[in-house]
Amino acid sequence: MPLRVMFMGTPDFSVPTLAAILAAGHDVVAVYTQPPRPAGRGMAERRSSVHQHAEANGIPVHTPVKLRSIEAKAEFESHRADVAVVVAYGLILPKAILDAPHHGCLNLHASALPRWRGAAPIQRAIMAGDQETAAMVMRMEEGLDTGPICLAEVVPIGDNITAGELHDVLAARGAGLMVRALGLLEQGALASTSQSESGVTYAAKIDKSETHVDFSAPAARVHDMIRGLSPFPGAWFEVGEHGKSERIKVLRSRLVSAGGRAGTDGEVLDADLTIACGEGSIRLVELQRAGKKPMTTAELLRGFALPPGTRLR
């Protein structure tokens, strides 16, 4: 018998799971998502990706600012959900909400818990140089991503994969994993295992102060930072004199050499935009000037001179 599912999610990452639950024949009785917010150049209010998908499928949508009031709890309970599925919702769920569905709340998390609990697990895993991560379904409790694990699928992190690319892989894998979890829940066979108490790390939200490329760092670290911040918010450097400088985002790079020292930190070494780092060097592969579309190195250099010897700040 299909489950009555309450779905709670907001960004693009959440949509594949909602779509997969619907395709599996479960009854999504309502969707909870973040309220519409100003976005784009005109700052018009924009509904979340989940909001749009839910409306397209005729599912009632709720956008509360918080869930701690008696009224919010009563409205949530009125849907008589068997289970709530939570995927990057964006609000902390109080105990009254966690306990409301008959089978509690299941969360899809994009890391190999207990490593990278928190807001930015995909970016942090890449920035730390991790070789693998995971999609995990866990039972939710009051702690931050501390609940017991029901299902997990390990996902390798390629040497040059960006956060955007890994996001899409994990969203797809996680969607299938959640459907499997709901199938087991229907059968009364969804088991769970407590998380390890060792190896806990936290994936803090990315701060703008972290996005300026530091070419004095080792090349491997610079490369991991660039791909971990691509495509958003994007790592950047400046070129030109103070007061007349331009900020350029780096969306893709390649590690050329992990050791040795070929030049001054941030120095352009050749016509392929190989850049000297504190140790080793990287090659800039895809960049974006302010107000323009992403472009390859060759496309950038046709209209923007960065000859060997130029120093990137």
C-alpha atoms as a PDB file:
ATOM      1  CA  MET A   1       0.000   0.000   0.000  1.00  0.00           C
ATOM      2  CA  PRO A   2       1.490   3.386  -0.965  1.00  0.00           C
ATOM      3  CA  LEU A   3       2.667   5.587   1.865  1.00  0.00           C
ATOM      4  CA  ARG A   4       1.232   8.992   2.686  1.00  0.00           C
ATOM      5  CA  VAL A   5       4.354  11.143   2.355  1.00  0.00           C
ATOM      6  CA  MET A   6       5.017  14.678   3.520  1.00  0.00           C
ATOM      7  CA  PHE A   7       7.868  16.097   1.417  1.00  0.00           C
ATOM      8  CA  MET A   8      10.069  18.889   2.790  1.00  0.00           C
ATOM      9  CA  GLY A   9      12.727  20.418   0.529  1.00  0.00           C
ATOM     10  CA  THR A  10      13.700  23.576  -1.304  1.00  0.00           C
ATOM     11  CA  PRO A  11      16.535  23.712  -3.900  1.00  0.00           C
ATOM     12  CA  ASP A  12      17.276  21.872  -7.156  1.00  0.00           C
ATOM     13  CA  PHE A  13      18.974  19.100  -5.163  1.00  0.00           C
ATOM     14  CA  SER A  14      15.609  18.115  -3.647  1.00  0.00           C
ATOM     15  CA  VAL A  15      13.612  17.831  -6.884  1.00  0.00           C
ATOM     16  CA  PRO A  16      14.866  14.422  -8.135  1.00  0.00           C
ATOM     17  CA  THR A  17      13.808  12.822  -4.843  1.00  0.00           C
ATOM     18  CA  LEU A  18      10.326  14.357  -4.989  1.00  0.00           C
ATOM     19  CA  ALA A  19       9.970  13.238  -8.618  1.00  0.00           C
ATOM     20  CA  ALA A  20      11.157   9.707  -7.793  1.00  0.00           C
ATOM     21  CA  ILE A  21       8.705   9.378  -4.878  1.00  0.00           C
ATOM     22  CA  LEU A  22       5.836  10.424  -7.126  1.00  0.00           C
ATOM     23  CA  ALA A  23       6.970   8.033  -9.868  1.00  0.00           C
ATOM     24  CA  ALA A  24       7.075   5.195  -7.329  1.00  0.00           C
ATOM     25  CA  GLY A  25       3.350   5.709  -6.690  1.00  0.00           C
ATOM     26  CA  HIS A  26       3.448   7.119  -3.171  1.00  0.00           C
ATOM     27  CA  ASP A  27       0.852   9.694  -2.129  1.00  0.00           C
ATOM     28  CA  VAL A  28       2.630  12.994  -1.514  1.00  0.00           C
ATOM     29  CA  VAL A  29      -0.054  14.691   0.580  1.00  0.00           C
ATOM     30  CA  ALA A  30       1.717  18.059   0.881  1.00  0.00           C
ATOM     31  CA  VAL A  31       5.017  19.804   0.285  1.00  0.00           C
ATOM     32  CA  TYR A  32       6.801  22.137   2.691  1.00  0.00           C
ATOM     33  CA  THR A  33       9.385  24.493   1.194  1.00  0.00           C
ATOM     34  CA  GLN A  34      11.043  27.848   1.833  1.00  0.00           C
ATOM     35  CA  PRO A  35       8.931  30.945   1.011  1.00  0.00           C
ATOM     36  CA  PRO A  36       9.405  32.741  -2.339  1.00  0.00           C
ATOM     37  CA  ARG A  37      12.338  35.149  -2.205  1.00  0.00           C
ATOM     38  CA  PRO A  38      13.602  38.015  -4.390  1.00  0.00           C
ATOM     39  CA  ALA A  39      16.025  36.785  -7.056  1.00  0.00           C
ATOM     40  CA  GLY A  40      17.565  37.844 -10.359  1.00  0.00           C
ATOM     41  CA  ARG A  41      18.297  41.311 -11.678  1.00  0.00           C
ATOM     42  CA  GLY A  42      14.736  42.532 -11.168  1.00  0.00           C
ATOM     43  CA  MET A  43      14.619  41.015  -7.663  1.00  0.00           C
ATOM     44  CA  ALA A  44      11.171  39.587  -8.386  1.00  0.00           C
ATOM     45  CA  GLU A  45       9.959  36.973  -5.929  1.00  0.00           C
ATOM     46  CA  ARG A  46      10.851  33.498  -7.138  1.00  0.00           C
ATOM     47  CA  ARG A  47       9.353  30.229  -5.932  1.00  0.00           C
ATOM     48  CA  SER A  48      11.756  27.455  -4.975  1.00  0.00           C
ATOM     49  CA  SER A  49      12.470  24.599  -7.376  1.00  0.00           C
ATOM     50  CA  VAL A  50      10.497  22.233  -5.143  1.00  0.00           C
ATOM     51  CA  HIS A  51       7.586  24.683  -4.976  1.00  0.00           C
ATOM     52  CA  GLN A  52       7.415  24.816  -8.773  1.00  0.00           C
ATOM     53  CA  HIS A  53       7.600  21.032  -9.164  1.00  0.00           C
ATOM     54  CA  ALA A  54       4.926  20.465  -6.534  1.00  0.00           C
ATOM     55  CA  GLU A  55       2.519  22.940  -8.128  1.00  0.00           C
ATOM     56  CA  ALA A  56       3.084  21.362 -11.546  1.00  0.00           C
ATOM     57  CA  ASN A  57       1.949  18.066 -10.033  1.00  0.00           C
ATOM     58  CA  GLY A  58      -1.043  19.494  -8.169  1.00  0.00           C
ATOM     59  CA  ILE A  59       0.400  19.022  -4.691  1.00  0.00           C
ATOM     60  CA  PRO A  60      -0.576  21.475  -1.903  1.00  0.00           C
ATOM     61  CA  VAL A  61       2.404  23.674  -0.914  1.00  0.00           C
ATOM     62  CA  HIS A  62       3.134  25.240   2.482  1.00  0.00           C
ATOM     63  CA  THR A  63       5.818  27.912   2.988  1.00  0.00           C
ATOM     64  CA  PRO A  64       5.988  28.669   6.730  1.00  0.00           C
ATOM     65  CA  VAL A  65       8.732  30.940   8.021  1.00  0.00           C
ATOM     66  CA  LYS A  66       9.021  28.763  11.135  1.00  0.00           C
ATOM     67  CA  LEU A  67       7.482  25.565  12.489  1.00  0.00           C
ATOM     68  CA  ARG A  68       7.459  26.133  16.241  1.00  0.00           C
ATOM     69  CA  SER A  69       3.969  27.560  16.704  1.00  0.00           C
ATOM     70  CA  ILE A  70       0.947  25.554  17.862  1.00  0.00           C
ATOM     71  CA  GLU A  71      -0.787  26.462  14.596  1.00  0.00           C
ATOM     72  CA  ALA A  72       2.104  25.154  12.475  1.00  0.00           C
ATOM     73  CA  LYS A  73       2.147  21.878  14.395  1.00  0.00           C
ATOM     74  CA  ALA A  74      -1.620  21.453  14.015  1.00  0.00           C
ATOM     75  CA  GLU A  75      -1.480  22.106  10.270  1.00  0.00           C
ATOM     76  CA  PHE A  76       1.382  19.637   9.857  1.00  0.00           C
ATOM     77  CA  GLU A  77      -0.444  16.932  11.811  1.00  0.00           C
ATOM     78  CA  SER A  78      -3.654  17.469   9.842  1.00  0.00           C
ATOM     79  CA  HIS A  79      -2.110  15.778   6.793  1.00  0.00           C
ATOM     80  CA  ARG A  80      -1.855  12.459   8.688  1.00  0.00           C
ATOM     81  CA  ALA A  81       1.398  11.533   6.964  1.00  0.00           C
ATOM     82  CA  ASP A  82       2.939   8.105   7.396  1.00  0.00           C
ATOM     83  CA  VAL A  83       6.408   9.597   6.973  1.00  0.00           C
ATOM     84  CA  ALA A  84       8.087  12.902   6.202  1.00  0.00           C
ATOM     85  CA  VAL A  85      10.933  12.947   3.671  1.00  0.00           C
ATOM     86  CA  VAL A  86      13.329  15.848   4.195  1.00  0.00           C
ATOM     87  CA  VAL A  87      15.870  16.885   1.532  1.00  0.00           C
ATOM     88  CA  ALA A  88      17.706  20.203   1.977  1.00  0.00           C
ATOM     89  CA  TYR A  89      14.639  21.898   3.430  1.00  0.00           C
ATOM     90  CA  GLY A  90      16.415  24.781   5.157  1.00  0.00           C
ATOM     91  CA  LEU A  91      14.561  24.930   8.485  1.00  0.00           C
ATOM     92  CA  ILE A  92      15.351  23.119  11.721  1.00  0.00           C
ATOM     93  CA  LEU A  93      12.497  20.766  12.615  1.00  0.00           C
ATOM     94  CA  PRO A  94      11.372  20.941  16.252  1.00  0.00           C
ATOM     95  CA  LYS A  95      10.673  17.693  18.114  1.00  0.00           C
ATOM     96  CA  ALA A  96       6.917  18.105  17.747  1.00  0.00           C
ATOM     97  CA  ILE A  97       7.273  18.054  13.950  1.00  0.00           C
ATOM     98  CA  LEU A  98       9.809  15.211  13.970  1.00  0.00           C
ATOM     99  CA  ASP A  99       7.408  13.076  16.001  1.00  0.00           C
ATOM    100  CA  ALA A 100       4.233  13.920  14.060  1.00  0.00           C
ATOM    101  CA  PRO A 101       4.402  11.400  11.153  1.00  0.00           C
ATOM    102  CA  HIS A 102       3.598   7.790  12.103  1.00  0.00           C
ATOM    103  CA  HIS A 103       7.060   6.585  11.014  1.00  0.00           C
ATOM    104  CA  GLY A 104       8.927   9.803  11.809  1.00  0.00           C
ATOM    105  CA  CYS A 105      11.140  11.718   9.376  1.00  0.00           C
ATOM    106  CA  LEU A 106      13.705  10.418   6.888  1.00  0.00           C
ATOM    107  CA  ASN A 107      16.461  12.725   5.665  1.00  0.00           C
ATOM    108  CA  LEU A 108      18.649  12.469   2.564  1.00  0.00           C
ATOM    109  CA  HIS A 109      22.150  13.779   3.288  1.00  0.00           C
ATOM    110  CA  ALA A 110      24.968  14.234   0.766  1.00  0.00           C
ATOM    111  CA  SER A 111      27.985  12.985   2.705  1.00  0.00           C
ATOM    112  CA  ALA A 112      29.497   9.912   4.334  1.00  0.00           C
ATOM    113  CA  LEU A 113      28.199  10.666   7.825  1.00  0.00           C
ATOM    114  CA  PRO A 114      29.449  11.411  10.420  1.00  0.00           C
ATOM    115  CA  ARG A 115      31.879  13.251   8.130  1.00  0.00           C
ATOM    116  CA  TRP A 116      30.519  16.595   6.923  1.00  0.00           C
ATOM    117  CA  ARG A 117      27.395  17.085   8.967  1.00  0.00           C
ATOM    118  CA  GLY A 118      25.776  20.423   8.189  1.00  0.00           C
ATOM    119  CA  ALA A 119      24.994  22.853   5.399  1.00  0.00           C
ATOM    120  CA  ALA A 120      27.673  22.431   2.695  1.00  0.00           C
ATOM    121  CA  PRO A 121      28.797  18.782   2.616  1.00  0.00           C
ATOM    122  CA  ILE A 122      29.398  18.584  -1.144  1.00  0.00           C
ATOM    123  CA  GLN A 123      31.621  21.665  -1.295  1.00  0.00           C
ATOM    124  CA  ARG A 124      33.516  20.809   1.885  1.00  0.00           C
ATOM    125  CA  ALA A 125      34.297  17.261   0.771  1.00  0.00           C
ATOM    126  CA  ILE A 126      35.863  18.484  -2.473  1.00  0.00           C
ATOM    127  CA  MET A 127      37.676  21.404  -0.838  1.00  0.00           C
ATOM    128  CA  ALA A 128      39.202  18.993   1.682  1.00  0.00           C
ATOM    129  CA  GLY A 129      40.476  16.735  -1.114  1.00  0.00           C
ATOM    130  CA  ASP A 130      38.301  13.764  -0.102  1.00  0.00           C
ATOM    131  CA  GLN A 131      38.433  10.825  -2.511  1.00  0.00           C
ATOM    132  CA  GLU A 132      34.868   9.684  -1.881  1.00  0.00           C
ATOM    133  CA  THR A 133      31.576  10.749  -0.340  1.00  0.00           C
ATOM    134  CA  ALA A 134      28.117   9.180  -0.103  1.00  0.00           C
ATOM    135  CA  ALA A 135      24.374   9.626  -0.356  1.00  0.00           C
ATOM    136  CA  MET A 136      22.739   8.574   2.908  1.00  0.00           C
ATOM    137  CA  VAL A 137      19.207   8.133   4.190  1.00  0.00           C
ATOM    138  CA  MET A 138      18.930   8.589   7.940  1.00  0.00           C
ATOM    139  CA  ARG A 139      16.219   8.784  10.559  1.00  0.00           C
ATOM    140  CA  MET A 140      16.034  12.325  11.863  1.00  0.00           C
ATOM    141  CA  GLU A 141      16.457  13.361  15.475  1.00  0.00           C
ATOM    142  CA  GLU A 142      16.982  16.725  17.158  1.00  0.00           C
ATOM    143  CA  GLY A 143      20.773  16.843  16.674  1.00  0.00           C
ATOM    144  CA  LEU A 144      22.371  18.223  13.500  1.00  0.00           C
ATOM    145  CA  ASP A 145      22.581  15.236  11.112  1.00  0.00           C
ATOM    146  CA  THR A 146      23.163  12.875  14.038  1.00  0.00           C
ATOM    147  CA  GLY A 147      20.418  10.326  13.351  1.00  0.00           C
ATOM    148  CA  PRO A 148      20.965   6.615  12.662  1.00  0.00           C
ATOM    149  CA  ILE A 149      21.738   5.576   9.067  1.00  0.00           C
ATOM    150  CA  CYS A 150      19.231   3.461   7.138  1.00  0.00           C
ATOM    151  CA  LEU A 151      20.827   3.209   3.680  1.00  0.00           C
ATOM    152  CA  ALA A 152      24.023   4.495   2.094  1.00  0.00           C
ATOM    153  CA  GLU A 153      25.667   4.522  -1.320  1.00  0.00           C
ATOM    154  CA  VAL A 154      29.328   5.455  -1.649  1.00  0.00           C
ATOM    155  CA  VAL A 155      30.182   7.850  -4.500  1.00  0.00           C
ATOM    156  CA  PRO A 156      33.791   8.398  -5.674  1.00  0.00           C
ATOM    157  CA  ILE A 157      35.018  11.980  -6.077  1.00  0.00           C
ATOM    158  CA  GLY A 158      37.021  12.299  -9.296  1.00  0.00           C
ATOM    159  CA  ASP A 159      40.181  14.374  -9.355  1.00  0.00           C
ATOM    160  CA  ASN A 160      38.599  17.091 -11.518  1.00  0.00           C
ATOM    161  CA  ILE A 161      34.890  16.873 -10.652  1.00  0.00           C
ATOM    162  CA  THR A 162      33.281  20.152  -9.586  1.00  0.00           C
ATOM    163  CA  ALA A 163      30.774  20.702  -6.804  1.00  0.00           C
ATOM    164  CA  GLY A 164      28.065  21.273  -9.403  1.00  0.00           C
ATOM    165  CA  GLU A 165      28.780  17.952 -11.099  1.00  0.00           C
ATOM    166  CA  LEU A 166      28.953  16.035  -7.819  1.00  0.00           C
ATOM    167  CA  HIS A 167      25.713  17.735  -6.716  1.00  0.00           C
ATOM    168  CA  ASP A 168      23.904  16.255  -9.718  1.00  0.00           C
ATOM    169  CA  VAL A 169      25.339  12.761  -9.167  1.00  0.00           C
ATOM    170  CA  LEU A 170      24.379  12.745  -5.484  1.00  0.00           C
ATOM    171  CA  ALA A 171      20.904  14.142  -6.182  1.00  0.00           C
ATOM    172  CA  ALA A 172      20.202  11.287  -8.620  1.00  0.00           C
ATOM    173  CA  ARG A 173      21.721   8.571  -6.412  1.00  0.00           C
ATOM    174  CA  GLY A 174      19.949   9.936  -3.359  1.00  0.00           C
ATOM    175  CA  ALA A 175      16.572   9.918  -5.101  1.00  0.00           C
ATOM    176  CA  GLY A 176      16.868   6.218  -5.861  1.00  0.00           C
ATOM    177  CA  LEU A 177      18.103   5.524  -2.351  1.00  0.00           C
ATOM    178  CA  MET A 178      15.119   7.283  -0.767  1.00  0.00           C
ATOM    179  CA  VAL A 179      12.646   5.314  -2.906  1.00  0.00           C
ATOM    180  CA  ARG A 180      14.345   2.104  -1.735  1.00  0.00           C
ATOM    181  CA  ALA A 181      14.039   3.288   1.860  1.00  0.00           C
ATOM    182  CA  LEU A 182      10.312   3.980   1.462  1.00  0.00           C
ATOM    183  CA  GLY A 183       9.825   0.541  -0.091  1.00  0.00           C
ATOM    184  CA  LEU A 184      11.476  -1.088   2.910  1.00  0.00           C
ATOM    185  CA  LEU A 185       9.431   1.099   5.244  1.00  0.00           C
ATOM    186  CA  GLU A 186       6.232  -0.151   3.568  1.00  0.00           C
ATOM    187  CA  GLN A 187       7.346  -3.705   4.296  1.00  0.00           C
ATOM    188  CA  GLY A 188       8.285  -2.930   7.897  1.00  0.00           C
ATOM    189  CA  ALA A 189      11.892  -3.815   7.057  1.00  0.00           C
ATOM    190  CA  LEU A 190      13.740  -0.464   7.205  1.00  0.00           C
ATOM    191  CA  ALA A 191      16.561  -0.990   9.703  1.00  0.00           C
ATOM    192  CA  SER A 192      19.032   1.637  10.915  1.00  0.00           C
ATOM    193  CA  THR A 193      22.476   1.780  12.499  1.00  0.00           C
ATOM    194  CA  SER A 194      23.821   4.452  14.838  1.00  0.00           C
ATOM    195  CA  GLN A 195      26.502   6.730  13.456  1.00  0.00           C
ATOM    196  CA  SER A 196      30.093   6.292  14.576  1.00  0.00           C
ATOM    197  CA  GLU A 197      31.185   8.607  17.373  1.00  0.00           C
ATOM    198  CA  SER A 198      34.576   9.119  15.703  1.00  0.00           C
ATOM    199  CA  GLY A 199      35.387  10.987  12.502  1.00  0.00           C
ATOM    200  CA  VAL A 200      32.803  13.726  13.048  1.00  0.00           C
ATOM    201  CA  THR A 201      33.348  16.887  10.970  1.00  0.00           C
ATOM    202  CA  TYR A 202      31.062  19.821  10.219  1.00  0.00           C
ATOM    203  CA  ALA A 203      30.369  21.352   6.823  1.00  0.00           C
ATOM    204  CA  ALA A 204      29.864  25.024   7.613  1.00  0.00           C
ATOM    205  CA  LYS A 205      28.080  27.195   5.078  1.00  0.00           C
ATOM    206  CA  ILE A 206      30.502  28.719   2.546  1.00  0.00           C
ATOM    207  CA  ASP A 207      31.478  32.266   3.502  1.00  0.00           C
ATOM    208  CA  LYS A 208      32.347  34.875   0.868  1.00  0.00           C
ATOM    209  CA  SER A 209      35.697  35.421   2.590  1.00  0.00           C
ATOM    210  CA  GLU A 210      36.714  31.887   1.549  1.00  0.00           C
ATOM    211  CA  THR A 211      36.242  32.429  -2.175  1.00  0.00           C
ATOM    212  CA  HIS A 212      39.345  34.544  -2.969  1.00  0.00           C
ATOM    213  CA  VAL A 213      42.009  32.271  -4.488  1.00  0.00           C
ATOM    214  CA  ASP A 214      45.221  32.176  -2.454  1.00  0.00           C
ATOM    215  CA  PHE A 215      47.947  31.210  -4.924  1.00  0.00           C
ATOM    216  CA  SER A 216      50.483  30.970  -2.081  1.00  0.00           C
ATOM    217  CA  ALA A 217      48.792  27.717  -1.040  1.00  0.00           C
ATOM    218  CA  PRO A 218      49.936  24.371  -2.505  1.00  0.00           C
ATOM    219  CA  ALA A 219      48.618  23.741  -6.024  1.00  0.00           C
ATOM    220  CA  ALA A 220      46.542  20.710  -4.977  1.00  0.00           C
ATOM    221  CA  ARG A 221      44.737  22.804  -2.364  1.00  0.00           C
ATOM    222  CA  VAL A 222      44.106  25.636  -4.836  1.00  0.00           C
ATOM    223  CA  HIS A 223      42.711  23.160  -7.386  1.00  0.00           C
ATOM    224  CA  ASP A 224      40.413  21.570  -4.778  1.00  0.00           C
ATOM    225  CA  MET A 225      39.179  24.991  -3.698  1.00  0.00           C
ATOM    226  CA  ILE A 226      38.382  26.038  -7.272  1.00  0.00           C
ATOM    227  CA  ARG A 227      36.388  22.903  -8.099  1.00  0.00           C
ATOM    228  CA  GLY A 228      34.737  22.839  -4.668  1.00  0.00           C
ATOM    229  CA  LEU A 229      33.343  26.334  -5.232  1.00  0.00           C
ATOM    230  CA  SER A 230      32.278  25.798  -8.855  1.00  0.00           C
ATOM    231  CA  PRO A 231      29.892  26.922 -10.208  1.00  0.00           C
ATOM    232  CA  PHE A 232      28.613  28.803  -7.154  1.00  0.00           C
ATOM    233  CA  PRO A 233      29.698  30.987  -5.491  1.00  0.00           C
ATOM    234  CA  GLY A 234      32.882  30.585  -7.570  1.00  0.00           C
ATOM    235  CA  ALA A 235      36.525  31.089  -6.627  1.00  0.00           C
ATOM    236  CA  TRP A 236      38.055  34.304  -7.971  1.00  0.00           C
ATOM    237  CA  PHE A 237      41.230  36.291  -8.444  1.00  0.00           C
ATOM    238  CA  GLU A 238      41.975  39.877  -9.452  1.00  0.00           C
ATOM    239  CA  VAL A 239      44.251  41.097 -12.200  1.00  0.00           C
ATOM    240  CA  GLY A 240      45.439  44.641 -12.921  1.00  0.00           C
ATOM    241  CA  GLU A 241      46.489  47.604 -10.834  1.00  0.00           C
ATOM    242  CA  HIS A 242      44.674  48.561  -7.645  1.00  0.00           C
ATOM    243  CA  GLY A 243      41.755  50.809  -8.584  1.00  0.00           C
ATOM    244  CA  LYS A 244      41.733  49.418 -12.142  1.00  0.00           C
ATOM    245  CA  SER A 245      41.627  45.726 -11.385  1.00  0.00           C
ATOM    246  CA  GLU A 246      39.107  43.191 -12.622  1.00  0.00           C
ATOM    247  CA  ARG A 247      37.752  40.215 -10.725  1.00  0.00           C
ATOM    248  CA  ILE A 248      37.616  36.937 -12.675  1.00  0.00           C
ATOM    249  CA  LYS A 249      35.978  33.708 -11.520  1.00  0.00           C
ATOM    250  CA  VAL A 250      37.683  30.367 -12.063  1.00  0.00           C
ATOM    251  CA  LEU A 251      35.181  27.579 -12.734  1.00  0.00           C
ATOM    252  CA  ARG A 252      37.533  24.783 -13.737  1.00  0.00           C
ATOM    253  CA  SER A 253      41.243  24.030 -13.361  1.00  0.00           C
ATOM    254  CA  ARG A 254      43.737  21.174 -13.719  1.00  0.00           C
ATOM    255  CA  LEU A 255      46.601  20.238 -11.441  1.00  0.00           C
ATOM    256  CA  VAL A 256      49.858  20.497 -13.454  1.00  0.00           C
ATOM    257  CA  SER A 257      52.406  19.869 -10.723  1.00  0.00           C
ATOM    258  CA  ALA A 258      51.892  19.175  -7.022  1.00  0.00           C
ATOM    259  CA  GLY A 259      55.472  19.948  -5.956  1.00  0.00           C
ATOM    260  CA  GLY A 260      58.393  22.206  -6.717  1.00  0.00           C
ATOM    261  CA  ARG A 261      58.286  25.913  -7.354  1.00  0.00           C
ATOM    262  CA  ALA A 262      58.148  27.310 -10.877  1.00  0.00           C
ATOM    263  CA  GLY A 263      57.650  31.021 -10.234  1.00  0.00           C
ATOM    264  CA  THR A 264      56.196  33.660  -7.933  1.00  0.00           C
ATOM    265  CA  ASP A 265      52.810  32.898  -6.334  1.00  0.00           C
ATOM    266  CA  GLY A 266      50.067  33.750  -8.843  1.00  0.00           C
ATOM    267  CA  GLU A 267      52.475  34.263 -11.773  1.00  0.00           C
ATOM    268  CA  VAL A 268      51.269  33.331 -15.264  1.00  0.00           C
ATOM    269  CA  LEU A 269      53.888  30.869 -16.547  1.00  0.00           C
ATOM    270  CA  ASP A 270      52.811  30.275 -20.156  1.00  0.00           C
ATOM    271  CA  ALA A 271      50.223  30.963 -22.860  1.00  0.00           C
ATOM    272  CA  ASP A 272      47.985  28.154 -21.520  1.00  0.00           C
ATOM    273  CA  LEU A 273      47.428  30.025 -18.218  1.00  0.00           C
ATOM    274  CA  THR A 274      49.528  27.739 -16.088  1.00  0.00           C
ATOM    275  CA  ILE A 275      49.774  29.529 -12.740  1.00  0.00           C
ATOM    276  CA  ALA A 276      52.517  29.190 -10.123  1.00  0.00           C
ATOM    277  CA  CYS A 277      51.368  28.308  -6.617  1.00  0.00           C
ATOM    278  CA  GLY A 278      53.143  28.055  -3.270  1.00  0.00           C
ATOM    279  CA  GLU A 279      54.039  24.491  -4.236  1.00  0.00           C
ATOM    280  CA  GLY A 280      53.514  23.293  -7.792  1.00  0.00           C
ATOM    281  CA  SER A 281      51.219  24.826 -10.393  1.00  0.00           C
ATOM    282  CA  ILE A 282      47.711  24.632 -11.842  1.00  0.00           C
ATOM    283  CA  ARG A 283      46.224  25.382 -15.263  1.00  0.00           C
ATOM    284  CA  LEU A 284      43.089  27.528 -15.505  1.00  0.00           C
ATOM    285  CA  VAL A 285      40.620  25.812 -17.856  1.00  0.00           C
ATOM    286  CA  GLU A 286      37.301  27.675 -17.590  1.00  0.00           C
ATOM    287  CA  LEU A 287      36.791  31.252 -16.401  1.00  0.00           C
ATOM    288  CA  GLN A 288      34.129  33.929 -16.213  1.00  0.00           C
ATOM    289  CA  ARG A 289      34.477  37.691 -16.400  1.00  0.00           C
ATOM    290  CA  ALA A 290      31.923  39.856 -14.594  1.00  0.00           C
ATOM    291  CA  GLY A 291      28.665  40.061 -16.519  1.00  0.00           C
ATOM    292  CA  LYS A 292      29.777  37.532 -19.140  1.00  0.00           C
ATOM    293  CA  LYS A 293      29.217  33.848 -19.796  1.00  0.00           C
ATOM    294  CA  PRO A 294      31.723  31.150 -18.774  1.00  0.00           C
ATOM    295  CA  MET A 295      34.482  30.708 -21.348  1.00  0.00           C
ATOM    296  CA  THR A 296      37.496  28.534 -22.046  1.00  0.00           C
ATOM    297  CA  THR A 297      41.010  29.852 -21.546  1.00  0.00           C
ATOM    298  CA  ALA A 298      41.419  30.315 -25.317  1.00  0.00           C
ATOM    299  CA  GLU A 299      38.171  32.299 -25.522  1.00  0.00           C
ATOM    300  CA  LEU A 300      39.187  34.532 -22.611  1.00  0.00           C
ATOM    301  CA  LEU A 301      42.625  35.269 -24.027  1.00  0.00           C
ATOM    302  CA  ARG A 302      41.236  36.410 -27.381  1.00  0.00           C
ATOM    303  CA  GLY A 303      39.954  39.574 -25.758  1.00  0.00           C
ATOM    304  CA  PHE A 304      41.851  39.775 -22.474  1.00  0.00           C
ATOM    305  CA  ALA A 305      45.645  39.797 -22.353  1.00  0.00           C
ATOM    306  CA  LEU A 306      47.290  37.735 -19.600  1.00  0.00           C
ATOM    307  CA  PRO A 307      50.846  37.237 -20.931  1.00  0.00           C
ATOM    308  CA  PRO A 308      53.490  35.161 -19.112  1.00  0.00           C
ATOM    309  CA  GLY A 309      54.818  37.130 -16.179  1.00  0.00           C
ATOM    310  CA  THR A 310      51.437  38.639 -15.257  1.00  0.00           C
ATOM    311  CA  ARG A 311      50.694  38.354 -11.539  1.00  0.00           C
ATOM    312  CA  LEU A 312      47.213  37.271 -10.472  1.00  0.00           C
ATOM    313  CA  ARG A 313      46.162  38.611  -7.101  1.00  0.00           C
END
